[in-house]
Protein backbone atom coordinates (compact mmCIF):
# COMPACT_ATOMS: atom_id res chain seq x y z
CA LEU A 1 -7.12 -31.56 33.01
CA THR A 2 -6.47 -34.85 35.25
CA ILE A 3 -10.24 -34.62 36.21
CA ILE A 4 -11.08 -34.62 32.62
CA LEU A 5 -8.62 -37.15 31.57
CA LEU A 6 -10.23 -39.38 34.50
CA THR A 7 -13.51 -38.88 33.17
CA ALA A 8 -13.03 -39.69 29.44
CA GLY A 9 -11.19 -42.95 31.14
CA LEU A 10 -13.77 -43.74 32.93
CA ILE A 11 -16.40 -43.07 30.23
CA ILE A 12 -14.48 -45.45 27.67
CA SER A 13 -13.99 -48.14 30.54
CA LEU A 14 -18.00 -48.06 30.10
CA ALA A 15 -18.24 -48.12 26.68
CA SER A 16 -15.59 -51.20 26.96
CA LEU A 17 -17.91 -52.89 29.80
CA LEU A 18 -21.29 -52.28 27.64
CA SER A 19 -19.65 -54.22 24.83
CA GLY A 20 -19.87 -57.39 27.02
CA ASN A 21 -16.15 -57.42 28.21
CA LYS A 22 -16.74 -59.09 31.69
CA LYS A 23 -15.44 -61.04 34.14
CA THR A 24 -17.08 -62.20 37.22
CA GLY A 25 -15.36 -61.61 40.84
CA PRO A 26 -12.30 -60.06 42.17
CA ALA A 27 -9.54 -62.69 41.79
CA ASN A 28 -7.62 -64.33 45.07
CA ASP A 29 -5.68 -61.44 46.78
CA ASN A 30 -2.66 -64.31 47.04
CA ARG A 31 -1.88 -64.25 43.40
CA LYS A 32 0.93 -61.87 41.82
CA THR A 33 -1.32 -58.99 40.32
CA ALA A 34 1.48 -58.00 37.73
CA LYS A 35 0.04 -61.57 35.78
CA ASN A 36 -3.56 -60.61 36.46
CA VAL A 37 -5.32 -57.11 36.92
CA GLU A 38 -9.66 -58.07 37.21
CA LYS A 39 -12.19 -55.85 36.61
CA LEU A 40 -13.83 -54.61 39.56
CA SER A 41 -17.62 -53.24 39.79
CA GLU A 42 -19.72 -51.92 41.94
CA ASN A 43 -20.72 -54.78 43.74
CA GLN A 44 -17.72 -56.29 43.79
CA LEU A 45 -15.88 -53.15 45.32
CA ASP A 46 -18.74 -53.35 48.42
CA THR A 47 -17.29 -57.30 48.36
CA LEU A 48 -13.61 -57.04 47.88
CA LEU A 49 -14.02 -54.80 51.28
CA ALA A 50 -16.55 -55.78 53.71
CA SER A 51 -14.29 -59.26 52.96
CA HIS A 52 -11.48 -57.58 54.84
CA LYS A 53 -12.91 -56.66 57.92
CA GLY A 54 -11.55 -57.01 61.09
CA ASN A 55 -8.42 -55.37 59.37
CA VAL A 56 -6.89 -52.08 58.10
CA VAL A 57 -7.79 -51.14 54.06
CA PHE A 58 -5.57 -49.02 52.59
CA VAL A 59 -6.94 -48.66 48.73
CA ASN A 60 -4.84 -46.98 46.15
CA VAL A 61 -6.15 -45.51 43.08
CA TRP A 62 -3.35 -44.66 40.61
CA ALA A 63 -3.16 -44.82 36.38
CA SER A 64 -0.44 -45.75 34.79
CA TRP A 65 -0.24 -42.56 32.77
CA CYS A 66 -0.20 -40.72 35.94
CA LYS A 67 3.12 -39.38 36.90
CA PRO A 68 2.44 -39.08 40.31
CA CYS A 69 0.93 -42.15 40.80
CA ARG A 70 4.14 -43.90 38.91
CA GLU A 71 6.50 -42.13 41.55
CA GLU A 72 4.35 -43.17 44.68
CA PHE A 73 3.76 -47.08 43.40
CA PRO A 74 7.27 -47.97 44.98
CA ASP A 75 6.16 -47.13 48.53
CA LEU A 76 2.71 -48.56 48.26
CA LEU A 77 5.10 -52.33 48.10
CA LYS A 78 7.35 -50.65 51.21
CA LEU A 79 4.07 -50.45 52.44
CA ASP A 80 2.91 -54.18 51.78
CA ASP A 81 6.48 -55.47 52.89
CA HIS A 82 6.20 -53.94 55.92
CA TYR A 83 2.72 -54.69 56.90
CA ARG A 84 2.32 -58.02 55.44
CA GLY A 85 0.71 -60.78 58.12
CA LYS A 86 0.16 -57.67 60.13
CA ASN A 87 -3.90 -56.93 59.75
CA VAL A 88 -3.07 -53.91 56.90
CA LYS A 89 -4.30 -54.86 53.36
CA ILE A 90 -3.40 -52.95 50.60
CA ILE A 91 -5.47 -53.15 47.74
CA SER A 92 -4.73 -50.85 44.65
CA ILE A 93 -7.01 -49.96 41.90
CA SER A 94 -6.04 -48.81 38.33
CA ALA A 95 -8.34 -46.19 36.81
CA ASP A 96 -7.24 -46.69 33.53
CA TYR A 97 -9.12 -47.86 30.57
CA PRO A 98 -10.06 -52.14 30.67
CA GLU A 99 -8.88 -52.43 27.34
CA ASP A 100 -5.15 -51.17 28.58
CA VAL A 101 -4.48 -53.81 31.02
CA LYS A 102 -2.54 -55.94 28.58
CA THR A 103 -0.68 -52.66 27.07
CA LYS A 104 -0.25 -50.50 29.65
CA VAL A 105 -1.44 -51.49 32.94
CA LEU A 106 0.65 -54.81 33.04
CA PRO A 107 3.77 -53.45 31.42
CA PHE A 108 4.04 -51.09 34.41
CA LEU A 109 3.21 -53.33 36.96
CA GLY A 110 5.76 -56.28 35.52
CA LYS A 111 8.80 -53.61 36.49
CA PHE A 112 7.89 -54.86 39.89
CA ASP A 113 6.71 -57.77 42.35
CA VAL A 114 3.65 -56.68 43.29
CA LYS A 115 1.99 -58.77 46.30
CA PHE A 116 -1.17 -57.20 47.16
CA PRO A 117 -3.92 -56.99 44.57
CA VAL A 118 -4.66 -54.87 41.89
CA TYR A 119 -7.93 -53.77 39.79
CA VAL A 120 -8.97 -51.98 37.18
CA GLN A 121 -12.21 -50.00 38.07
CA ALA A 122 -15.30 -51.22 36.44
CA PHE A 123 -18.01 -49.47 36.95
CA LYS A 124 -21.20 -48.71 34.82
CA LYS A 125 -21.49 -45.38 35.25
CA ALA A 126 -18.08 -43.25 35.17
CA ASP A 127 -18.95 -40.65 38.48
CA ALA A 128 -20.59 -44.02 40.46
CA PHE A 129 -16.71 -44.74 41.26
CA ILE A 130 -15.68 -41.63 42.49
CA ASP A 131 -18.87 -40.87 44.31
CA ARG A 132 -18.50 -44.13 46.01
CA MET A 133 -14.86 -44.49 46.77
CA ASN A 134 -15.60 -40.52 48.62
CA GLU A 135 -18.54 -38.17 47.39
CA LYS A 136 -15.70 -35.13 48.46
CA TRP A 137 -13.10 -36.80 45.79
CA ASN A 138 -13.42 -34.96 42.60
CA GLY A 139 -11.24 -38.20 40.45
CA ALA A 140 -7.90 -36.16 41.01
CA LEU A 141 -4.75 -39.14 41.14
CA PRO A 142 -3.22 -40.83 43.29
CA ALA A 143 -5.78 -41.09 45.57
CA THR A 144 -5.76 -43.36 48.43
CA PHE A 145 -8.75 -44.01 50.66
CA ILE A 146 -7.95 -46.22 54.13
CA TYR A 147 -11.03 -47.94 56.28
CA ASP A 148 -10.49 -49.01 59.53
CA LYS A 149 -11.39 -52.61 60.67
CA THR A 150 -14.55 -51.89 61.03
CA GLY A 151 -14.72 -51.09 57.35
CA LYS A 152 -15.69 -47.61 58.20
CA GLN A 153 -13.55 -44.95 55.39
CA ARG A 154 -11.35 -42.68 58.01
CA LEU A 155 -9.14 -40.57 55.49
CA TYR A 156 -8.94 -39.58 51.98
CA VAL A 157 -6.04 -38.33 50.55
CA LEU A 158 -5.38 -36.65 47.33
CA GLY A 159 -2.30 -36.48 45.76
CA LYS A 160 1.37 -38.48 45.76
CA LYS A 161 2.14 -39.30 49.38
CA ASP A 162 5.13 -41.14 50.65
CA TYR A 163 6.21 -44.10 52.72
CA GLU A 164 6.37 -42.25 55.99
CA TYR A 165 3.17 -40.59 55.57
CA PHE A 166 1.17 -43.52 55.00
CA CYS A 167 2.55 -45.13 57.90
CA GLY A 168 1.59 -42.68 60.09
CA GLU A 169 -1.59 -43.01 59.10
CA ILE A 170 -2.69 -46.61 59.18
CA GLU A 171 -0.73 -46.88 62.42
CA LYS A 172 -3.80 -44.01 63.98
CA LEU A 173 -5.84 -46.92 63.03
CA ARG A 174 -4.30 -49.65 64.19
């Protein structure tokens, strides 16, 4: 069911993109993301990941409608607080529909003091996002992808994990 919902969401995202609702490039990582969520295309994802080489990069994919994602989110905030300034970048990508950012994503984020960048995936093809993140990923949420300092993906984690688990995995790459 999760795969079906994610796939449907990605298809609707595609329809929104084709309607001409596009933005240019990812925003500056230093902004308060609870006020600003930008669309992230395939080229923008590549640029974003490349811009953080030299750091461990932790990318979490979630959705506002996903209960385990909502439960995991406070641990992401704790990770960001712990690793801020320590060559670890926390990035989150919502799998919500881009047209639901104002009505669902921002209200959820508004409950927190989010300092890491938050994007909504906006690939042209629904499966392209899933395959780009990891070909073994089936699209279920939450999903986390951790990249080493050279930009190589070293870990793909499916399902809700906690702060301690994520810290352990990040420490292996620092």
